[in-house]
Amino acid sequence: MPRRTFNYVCSLVKDEMMVRSSSYTFLDGMVLSLEDRVAVSLLRLNSGGSLVTVGSSVGVNHSTVSLITWRFIEAMEERASHHLRWPASGEMEKIKSKFEDIHGLPNCCGVVDTTHITMCLSSAEPNCKVWLDHEKNYSMVLQAVVDPDMRFMDIVTGWPGSMKESGILHSSGLFKLCEKGERLNGSKLKLSDGSEIGEYLIGDAGYPLLPWLLTPYQQKDLIESEAEFNRRHSAARIVAPRTLAKFKDTWRFLQGEMWRPDKHKLPRIIHVCCLLHNIVIDLREEEIMDEPCASSMDHDGRYMQQLCRLEDDKGLEVRDTLSQHLVSSWPVGEGEQAAASLKRRNNGA
C-alpha cells in the first residue's frame, strides 16, 4: 500500500481509532499512535498471521492486536462504505466503453463471479452441514461484480459454501434489483435492424442465462457467431477470477491458514477487505493503472467449475442477437480470417 493511500486510510478512521487514545500500548508501555494502530490492523489482515505472531513481530500484546483490528473493522465500515457502490450512469458509460474497447463486448457492465472463504465453526455447532461445501471445507461464499479495472462494484457474502452460484445469485439484492429494472437500466445498444440490446453482466457457466446476465454457449458444435461470442466472453471474464485471486492473495487473513474467523464476524471482515481493495485502486497513480496485470487467476483452485443449465428464453434471444451483431460488425474480410483461424484451432484440438 503506497504511503499516500495509507495516510488516507488513517484519515478515514482517525476519530474511531483514537477514542481511547491511551488505552493501547506497546510492550514497553509506549502508547500506539494512530498510524501504529492502522499499521497493526493492516498487518493482521494482510499477513494472515495469528494474534501472537503479529503481536510479537511489532512488540504488542496479542489481545491488543485483536482489539485494535476489530476497532479498525468497525471504523472502516462506518467511514469507507462509499468506496464500494454501484456506479452512477456516467461512470457506467466509461466501464462499458472499456469492455468494448478491450474485449469487443458492447454494453457490457461487469463480470460476476464467486469465491469460497474458509472458516471455522464454534464448538457448539460441529455438525452443522450447511456450511460444508462440496470440497468438504467449512466455507462462506463471496459473490462479486467486477469492472475492467479489477474494482468491486457490488458484493454479497454471508451465504454458506454449500450453496451453488445460481442459488446465491437468486438470493442477492443484485438479482432483485436487476429483475425489477432498477439496475442495468441505462442506455441500450441500437442495432442496424432496429433491435436493441440492454445493459448486461457476464458470468461463467455456473450462472443461469438471463436477459441481463449472459453466459457462454455450452454446446460443442458452435457456429461462427457463437464461437466468436464465447471467445470475447472468455477474454472479458478473466478480470473476475484475476481480481478475486489478487484479493485473496493480498488479504491472507481470509485464506484461513493461520486462524479462521467465525461465521458471525467473517462477512464484516470480507466487506472491509473489499473496501480496502477498492481504496488501493481508487488512489493509485495513473501510470500504475495502465500496467498489465500478471496476477494469478487461481482463487478457488480446489473447486470444480459449477454448471447451470437454466436458460431464460429472453436471455437466449439477447445472446443470439449480440452474437450475430459481433460477426456482422466485422470489417470486410475479417470474418473469413476469423473463421479460418477458428477452423485451425478446432482441427488442432
Protein backbone atom coordinates (compact mmCIF):
# COMPACT_ATOMS: atom_id res chain seq x y z
CA MET A 1 0.00 0.00 0.00
CA PRO A 2 1.54 3.34 -1.03
CA ARG A 3 2.18 5.89 1.72
CA ARG A 4 -0.43 8.23 0.19
CA THR A 5 -3.08 5.51 0.43
CA PHE A 6 -2.04 4.58 3.97
CA ASN A 7 -2.34 8.22 5.06
CA TYR A 8 -5.80 8.39 3.50
CA VAL A 9 -6.97 5.27 5.37
CA CYS A 10 -5.64 6.79 8.61
CA SER A 11 -7.64 9.95 7.96
CA LEU A 12 -10.81 7.91 7.42
CA VAL A 13 -10.65 6.04 10.71
CA LYS A 14 -8.96 8.62 12.94
CA ASP A 15 -11.94 9.53 15.10
CA GLU A 16 -13.00 5.96 15.85
CA MET A 17 -9.48 4.58 16.29
CA MET A 18 -8.40 7.28 18.78
CA VAL A 19 -11.46 7.25 21.07
CA ARG A 20 -9.36 5.62 23.80
CA SER A 21 -6.12 7.28 22.84
CA SER A 22 -4.00 5.97 25.74
CA SER A 23 -5.54 2.51 26.09
CA TYR A 24 -3.34 0.62 23.64
CA THR A 25 0.39 0.41 24.26
CA PHE A 26 3.47 -1.44 23.11
CA LEU A 27 5.02 -3.94 25.50
CA ASP A 28 7.41 -1.21 26.66
CA GLY A 29 4.49 0.99 27.70
CA MET A 30 4.64 3.48 24.82
CA VAL A 31 1.19 4.45 23.51
CA LEU A 32 0.37 3.37 19.95
CA SER A 33 -0.21 6.30 17.61
CA LEU A 34 -2.99 6.37 15.01
CA GLU A 35 -0.52 5.23 12.35
CA ASP A 36 0.68 2.38 14.60
CA ARG A 37 -2.87 1.15 15.14
CA VAL A 38 -3.77 1.23 11.46
CA ALA A 39 -0.50 -0.50 10.56
CA VAL A 40 -1.12 -3.28 13.10
CA SER A 41 -4.65 -3.80 11.72
CA LEU A 42 -3.45 -3.90 8.11
CA LEU A 43 -0.64 -6.29 9.05
CA ARG A 44 -3.15 -8.63 10.67
CA LEU A 45 -5.43 -8.62 7.62
CA ASN A 46 -2.60 -8.76 5.09
CA SER A 47 -0.36 -11.40 6.65
CA GLY A 48 -2.99 -13.80 7.91
CA GLY A 49 -0.74 -14.45 10.88
CA SER A 50 -2.08 -15.41 14.30
CA LEU A 51 -2.62 -12.79 17.00
CA VAL A 52 0.51 -14.00 18.79
CA THR A 53 2.62 -13.93 15.61
CA VAL A 54 1.52 -10.44 14.62
CA GLY A 55 1.83 -9.13 18.19
CA SER A 56 5.32 -10.47 18.73
CA SER A 57 6.50 -9.08 15.37
CA VAL A 58 5.64 -5.50 16.39
CA GLY A 59 6.03 -5.67 20.17
CA VAL A 60 2.33 -5.60 21.09
CA ASN A 61 0.30 -7.94 23.29
CA HIS A 62 -1.88 -10.32 21.26
CA SER A 63 -5.05 -9.10 22.97
CA THR A 64 -4.19 -5.56 21.89
CA VAL A 65 -3.84 -6.76 18.28
CA SER A 66 -7.32 -8.30 18.49
CA LEU A 67 -8.96 -5.20 19.97
CA ILE A 68 -7.28 -2.78 17.58
CA THR A 69 -8.11 -4.86 14.50
CA TRP A 70 -11.78 -5.12 15.38
CA ARG A 71 -11.96 -1.38 16.12
CA PHE A 72 -10.44 -0.82 12.67
CA ILE A 73 -13.05 -3.12 11.05
CA GLU A 74 -15.87 -1.15 12.68
CA ALA A 75 -14.33 2.20 11.71
CA MET A 76 -13.89 1.19 8.08
CA GLU A 77 -17.50 0.00 7.88
CA GLU A 78 -18.61 3.37 9.18
CA ARG A 79 -16.31 5.66 7.19
CA ALA A 80 -15.33 3.93 3.95
CA SER A 81 -18.56 2.43 2.60
CA HIS A 82 -18.66 4.99 -0.25
CA HIS A 83 -15.73 3.17 -1.86
CA LEU A 84 -17.96 0.21 -2.79
CA ARG A 85 -21.16 1.20 -4.55
CA TRP A 86 -22.94 0.67 -7.85
CA PRO A 87 -21.58 3.13 -10.46
CA ALA A 88 -23.55 6.21 -11.45
CA SER A 89 -24.66 6.46 -15.09
CA GLY A 90 -21.63 8.48 -16.21
CA GLU A 91 -19.24 6.04 -14.54
CA MET A 92 -21.07 3.09 -16.08
CA GLU A 93 -20.67 4.53 -19.58
CA LYS A 94 -16.89 4.57 -19.03
CA ILE A 95 -16.98 0.97 -17.82
CA LYS A 96 -18.96 -0.11 -20.88
CA SER A 97 -16.54 1.70 -23.17
CA LYS A 98 -13.59 -0.12 -21.62
CA PHE A 99 -15.18 -3.55 -22.04
CA GLU A 100 -15.93 -2.75 -25.67
CA ASP A 101 -12.53 -1.21 -26.44
CA ILE A 102 -10.55 -4.02 -24.78
CA HIS A 103 -12.68 -7.08 -25.48
CA GLY A 104 -15.20 -6.05 -28.14
CA LEU A 105 -18.28 -6.62 -25.96
CA PRO A 106 -20.58 -3.61 -26.39
CA ASN A 107 -22.84 -2.53 -23.50
CA CYS A 108 -21.21 -4.94 -21.03
CA CYS A 109 -21.31 -3.53 -17.49
CA GLY A 110 -19.29 -6.02 -15.45
CA VAL A 111 -18.38 -9.61 -14.63
CA VAL A 112 -19.94 -11.61 -11.80
CA ASP A 113 -18.11 -14.46 -10.06
CA THR A 114 -17.87 -16.18 -6.68
CA THR A 115 -15.11 -17.46 -4.42
CA HIS A 116 -15.01 -19.54 -1.23
CA ILE A 117 -13.63 -18.14 2.03
CA THR A 118 -12.68 -20.88 4.51
CA MET A 119 -13.81 -20.50 8.10
CA CYS A 120 -14.35 -22.42 11.31
CA LEU A 121 -17.46 -23.25 13.29
CA SER A 122 -17.81 -22.89 17.04
CA SER A 123 -17.62 -25.99 19.22
CA ALA A 124 -21.37 -25.67 19.75
CA GLU A 125 -22.19 -26.47 16.11
CA PRO A 126 -19.72 -29.09 14.84
CA ASN A 127 -22.44 -30.99 12.96
CA CYS A 128 -23.82 -28.03 11.02
CA LYS A 129 -23.55 -29.35 7.46
CA VAL A 130 -24.95 -26.30 5.69
CA TRP A 131 -21.53 -24.62 5.83
CA LEU A 132 -19.76 -27.71 4.46
CA ASP A 133 -19.09 -27.20 0.76
CA HIS A 134 -18.64 -29.89 -1.88
CA GLU A 135 -14.88 -29.92 -1.26
CA LYS A 136 -15.51 -30.78 2.43
CA ASN A 137 -14.38 -27.36 3.69
CA TYR A 138 -16.36 -25.14 6.00
CA SER A 139 -16.67 -22.01 3.93
CA MET A 140 -18.59 -18.86 3.16
CA VAL A 141 -19.15 -17.59 -0.38
CA LEU A 142 -18.33 -14.13 -1.66
CA GLN A 143 -20.17 -13.08 -4.84
CA ALA A 144 -18.68 -10.05 -6.55
CA VAL A 145 -19.33 -7.94 -9.63
CA VAL A 146 -16.06 -6.60 -11.04
CA ASP A 147 -15.28 -3.81 -13.51
CA PRO A 148 -12.42 -3.86 -16.08
CA ASP A 149 -10.08 -2.13 -13.60
CA MET A 150 -10.47 -5.02 -11.10
CA ARG A 151 -12.66 -2.90 -8.85
CA PHE A 152 -15.57 -4.34 -6.87
CA MET A 153 -18.89 -2.78 -7.93
CA ASP A 154 -21.17 -4.98 -5.86
CA ILE A 155 -20.64 -7.77 -3.34
CA VAL A 156 -22.79 -10.16 -1.34
CA THR A 157 -21.45 -12.51 1.30
CA GLY A 158 -22.63 -14.46 4.31
CA TRP A 159 -24.11 -17.40 2.38
CA PRO A 160 -22.78 -20.90 3.22
CA GLY A 161 -20.34 -22.70 0.95
CA SER A 162 -22.84 -25.47 0.24
CA MET A 163 -24.92 -23.09 -1.92
CA LYS A 164 -24.43 -23.02 -5.68
CA GLU A 165 -23.57 -19.87 -7.62
CA SER A 166 -27.05 -19.74 -9.12
CA GLY A 167 -28.69 -20.00 -5.70
CA ILE A 168 -26.60 -17.19 -4.25
CA LEU A 169 -27.37 -15.01 -7.25
CA HIS A 170 -31.13 -15.53 -6.86
CA SER A 171 -30.89 -14.68 -3.15
CA SER A 172 -28.94 -11.47 -3.71
CA GLY A 173 -30.08 -7.89 -3.81
CA LEU A 174 -28.37 -7.61 -7.20
CA PHE A 175 -30.77 -10.17 -8.69
CA LYS A 176 -33.83 -8.46 -7.26
CA LEU A 177 -32.77 -5.00 -8.47
CA CYS A 178 -31.92 -6.24 -11.97
CA GLU A 179 -35.17 -8.18 -12.27
CA LYS A 180 -37.12 -5.07 -11.28
CA GLY A 181 -35.24 -2.99 -13.83
CA GLU A 182 -33.67 -0.80 -11.16
CA ARG A 183 -30.15 -1.74 -12.24
CA LEU A 184 -28.67 -2.25 -15.69
CA ASN A 185 -31.30 0.15 -16.97
CA GLY A 186 -29.01 2.60 -18.76
CA SER A 187 -28.56 3.31 -22.46
CA LYS A 188 -29.26 0.49 -24.91
CA LEU A 189 -27.20 -0.61 -27.88
CA LYS A 190 -29.18 0.14 -31.06
CA LEU A 191 -28.54 -2.29 -33.90
CA SER A 192 -28.89 -1.72 -37.64
CA ASP A 193 -32.03 -3.87 -37.87
CA GLY A 194 -33.80 -1.70 -35.33
CA SER A 195 -33.42 -4.11 -32.40
CA GLU A 196 -31.79 -3.13 -29.10
CA ILE A 197 -29.54 -4.79 -26.53
CA GLY A 198 -29.78 -3.54 -22.96
CA GLU A 199 -27.03 -3.37 -20.39
CA TYR A 200 -25.84 -6.75 -19.10
CA LEU A 201 -23.30 -8.58 -16.97
CA ILE A 202 -21.38 -11.68 -17.98
CA GLY A 203 -20.72 -14.78 -15.89
CA ASP A 204 -19.38 -18.30 -16.21
CA ALA A 205 -21.34 -21.50 -16.86
CA GLY A 206 -22.28 -21.76 -13.19
CA TYR A 207 -24.84 -18.98 -13.63
CA PRO A 208 -28.23 -19.05 -15.36
CA LEU A 209 -28.60 -17.33 -18.72
CA LEU A 210 -30.79 -14.26 -18.21
CA PRO A 211 -31.58 -11.18 -20.32
CA TRP A 212 -29.18 -9.15 -18.13
CA LEU A 213 -26.66 -11.95 -17.38
CA LEU A 214 -25.04 -13.58 -20.39
CA THR A 215 -23.21 -16.88 -20.04
CA PRO A 216 -21.22 -18.78 -22.68
CA TYR A 217 -22.66 -21.24 -25.18
CA GLN A 218 -22.12 -24.69 -23.68
CA GLN A 219 -22.79 -26.98 -26.63
CA LYS A 220 -19.84 -28.47 -28.52
CA ASP A 221 -20.64 -27.68 -32.17
CA LEU A 222 -20.71 -23.89 -32.36
CA ILE A 223 -21.46 -21.82 -35.41
CA GLU A 224 -19.22 -18.87 -36.23
CA SER A 225 -21.18 -16.24 -34.29
CA GLU A 226 -21.45 -18.44 -31.17
CA ALA A 227 -17.74 -19.22 -31.20
CA GLU A 228 -16.89 -15.53 -31.57
CA PHE A 229 -19.17 -14.64 -28.68
CA ASN A 230 -17.53 -17.29 -26.48
CA ARG A 231 -14.07 -16.03 -27.41
CA ARG A 232 -14.84 -12.44 -26.44
CA HIS A 233 -16.84 -13.54 -23.41
CA SER A 234 -13.92 -15.63 -22.11
CA ALA A 235 -11.40 -12.85 -22.66
CA ALA A 236 -13.55 -10.30 -20.82
CA ARG A 237 -14.50 -12.64 -17.98
CA ILE A 238 -10.86 -13.22 -16.98
CA VAL A 239 -10.86 -9.98 -15.00
CA ALA A 240 -13.13 -11.51 -12.31
CA PRO A 241 -11.06 -14.58 -11.31
CA ARG A 242 -7.92 -12.45 -11.58
CA THR A 243 -9.43 -9.88 -9.22
CA LEU A 244 -10.55 -12.49 -6.70
CA ALA A 245 -7.13 -14.18 -6.79
CA LYS A 246 -5.36 -10.88 -6.14
CA PHE A 247 -7.88 -10.02 -3.42
CA LYS A 248 -7.34 -13.27 -1.52
CA ASP A 249 -3.58 -13.17 -2.01
CA THR A 250 -3.42 -9.62 -0.61
CA TRP A 251 -5.74 -10.16 2.37
CA ARG A 252 -4.40 -13.53 3.51
CA PHE A 253 -6.40 -13.33 6.71
CA LEU A 254 -9.25 -14.65 4.52
CA GLN A 255 -7.32 -17.76 3.48
CA GLY A 256 -7.86 -19.34 6.88
CA GLU A 257 -4.38 -20.85 7.13
CA MET A 258 -3.37 -19.41 10.49
CA TRP A 259 -6.68 -18.55 12.09
CA ARG A 260 -10.18 -18.94 10.74
CA PRO A 261 -12.77 -16.31 11.69
CA ASP A 262 -16.23 -17.37 12.78
CA LYS A 263 -19.28 -17.01 10.57
CA HIS A 264 -20.65 -14.04 12.52
CA LYS A 265 -17.63 -11.77 12.06
CA LEU A 266 -16.46 -13.06 8.69
CA PRO A 267 -18.94 -11.13 6.46
CA ARG A 268 -17.88 -7.83 8.05
CA ILE A 269 -14.20 -8.65 7.64
CA ILE A 270 -14.73 -9.62 3.99
CA HIS A 271 -16.60 -6.36 3.40
CA VAL A 272 -13.78 -4.26 4.87
CA CYS A 273 -11.14 -6.12 2.85
CA CYS A 274 -13.21 -5.35 -0.27
CA LEU A 275 -13.30 -1.68 0.73
CA LEU A 276 -9.53 -1.67 1.17
CA HIS A 277 -9.09 -3.38 -2.19
CA ASN A 278 -11.10 -0.62 -3.88
CA ILE A 279 -9.35 2.18 -1.98
CA VAL A 280 -5.97 0.98 -3.24
CA ILE A 281 -7.33 1.09 -6.81
CA ASP A 282 -9.10 4.44 -6.35
CA LEU A 283 -5.94 6.15 -5.10
CA ARG A 284 -3.30 4.53 -7.26
CA GLU A 285 -1.41 6.59 -9.81
CA GLU A 286 -2.46 6.67 -13.47
CA GLU A 287 0.77 5.11 -14.69
CA ILE A 288 0.25 2.15 -12.37
CA MET A 289 -3.31 1.70 -13.62
CA ASP A 290 -2.03 1.30 -17.16
CA GLU A 291 0.35 -1.53 -16.26
CA PRO A 292 -0.76 -5.00 -17.40
CA CYS A 293 -1.85 -7.27 -14.57
CA ALA A 294 0.06 -10.53 -14.39
CA SER A 295 -1.56 -11.90 -11.25
CA SER A 296 -2.83 -15.47 -10.94
CA MET A 297 -6.43 -16.44 -11.62
CA ASP A 298 -6.40 -19.39 -9.21
CA HIS A 299 -8.67 -18.06 -6.46
CA ASP A 300 -10.64 -21.29 -5.98
CA GLY A 301 -8.14 -23.84 -7.19
CA ARG A 302 -9.58 -26.82 -5.31
CA TYR A 303 -13.12 -26.23 -6.53
CA MET A 304 -14.64 -27.69 -9.69
CA GLN A 305 -16.46 -25.47 -12.19
CA GLN A 306 -20.18 -25.47 -11.46
CA LEU A 307 -22.68 -25.87 -14.28
CA CYS A 308 -26.15 -24.35 -14.53
CA ARG A 309 -28.48 -25.39 -17.35
CA LEU A 310 -31.13 -22.74 -16.72
CA GLU A 311 -31.67 -20.60 -19.81
CA ASP A 312 -34.29 -17.88 -19.95
CA ASP A 313 -35.95 -17.58 -23.37
CA LYS A 314 -35.36 -13.84 -23.47
CA GLY A 315 -31.78 -14.44 -22.41
CA LEU A 316 -31.30 -16.83 -25.34
CA GLU A 317 -32.67 -14.17 -27.69
CA VAL A 318 -30.39 -11.45 -26.32
CA ARG A 319 -27.30 -13.64 -26.52
CA ASP A 320 -28.07 -14.76 -30.08
CA THR A 321 -28.75 -11.18 -31.17
CA LEU A 322 -25.48 -9.97 -29.65
CA SER A 323 -23.55 -12.87 -31.18
CA GLN A 324 -24.87 -12.08 -34.64
CA HIS A 325 -24.05 -8.41 -34.14
CA LEU A 326 -20.45 -9.23 -33.23
CA VAL A 327 -19.76 -11.02 -36.51
CA SER A 328 -21.87 -8.69 -38.68
CA SER A 329 -19.86 -5.72 -37.44
CA TRP A 330 -16.56 -7.23 -38.63
CA PRO A 331 -14.79 -5.31 -41.41
CA VAL A 332 -14.92 -6.95 -44.84
CA GLY A 333 -12.57 -9.92 -44.93
CA GLU A 334 -12.12 -10.15 -41.17
CA GLY A 335 -14.93 -12.66 -40.78
CA GLU A 336 -13.28 -15.08 -43.21
CA GLN A 337 -9.95 -14.71 -41.39
CA ALA A 338 -11.55 -15.36 -38.02
CA ALA A 339 -13.42 -18.37 -39.37
CA ALA A 340 -10.21 -19.82 -40.80
CA SER A 341 -8.44 -19.22 -37.50
CA LEU A 342 -11.28 -20.92 -35.62
CA LYS A 343 -11.15 -23.89 -38.00
CA ARG A 344 -7.39 -24.26 -37.44
CA ARG A 345 -7.89 -24.22 -33.67
CA ASN A 346 -10.62 -26.85 -33.88
CA ASN A 347 -8.55 -29.07 -36.14
CA GLY A 348 -5.62 -28.75 -33.78
CA ALA A 349 -7.82 -29.77 -30.85
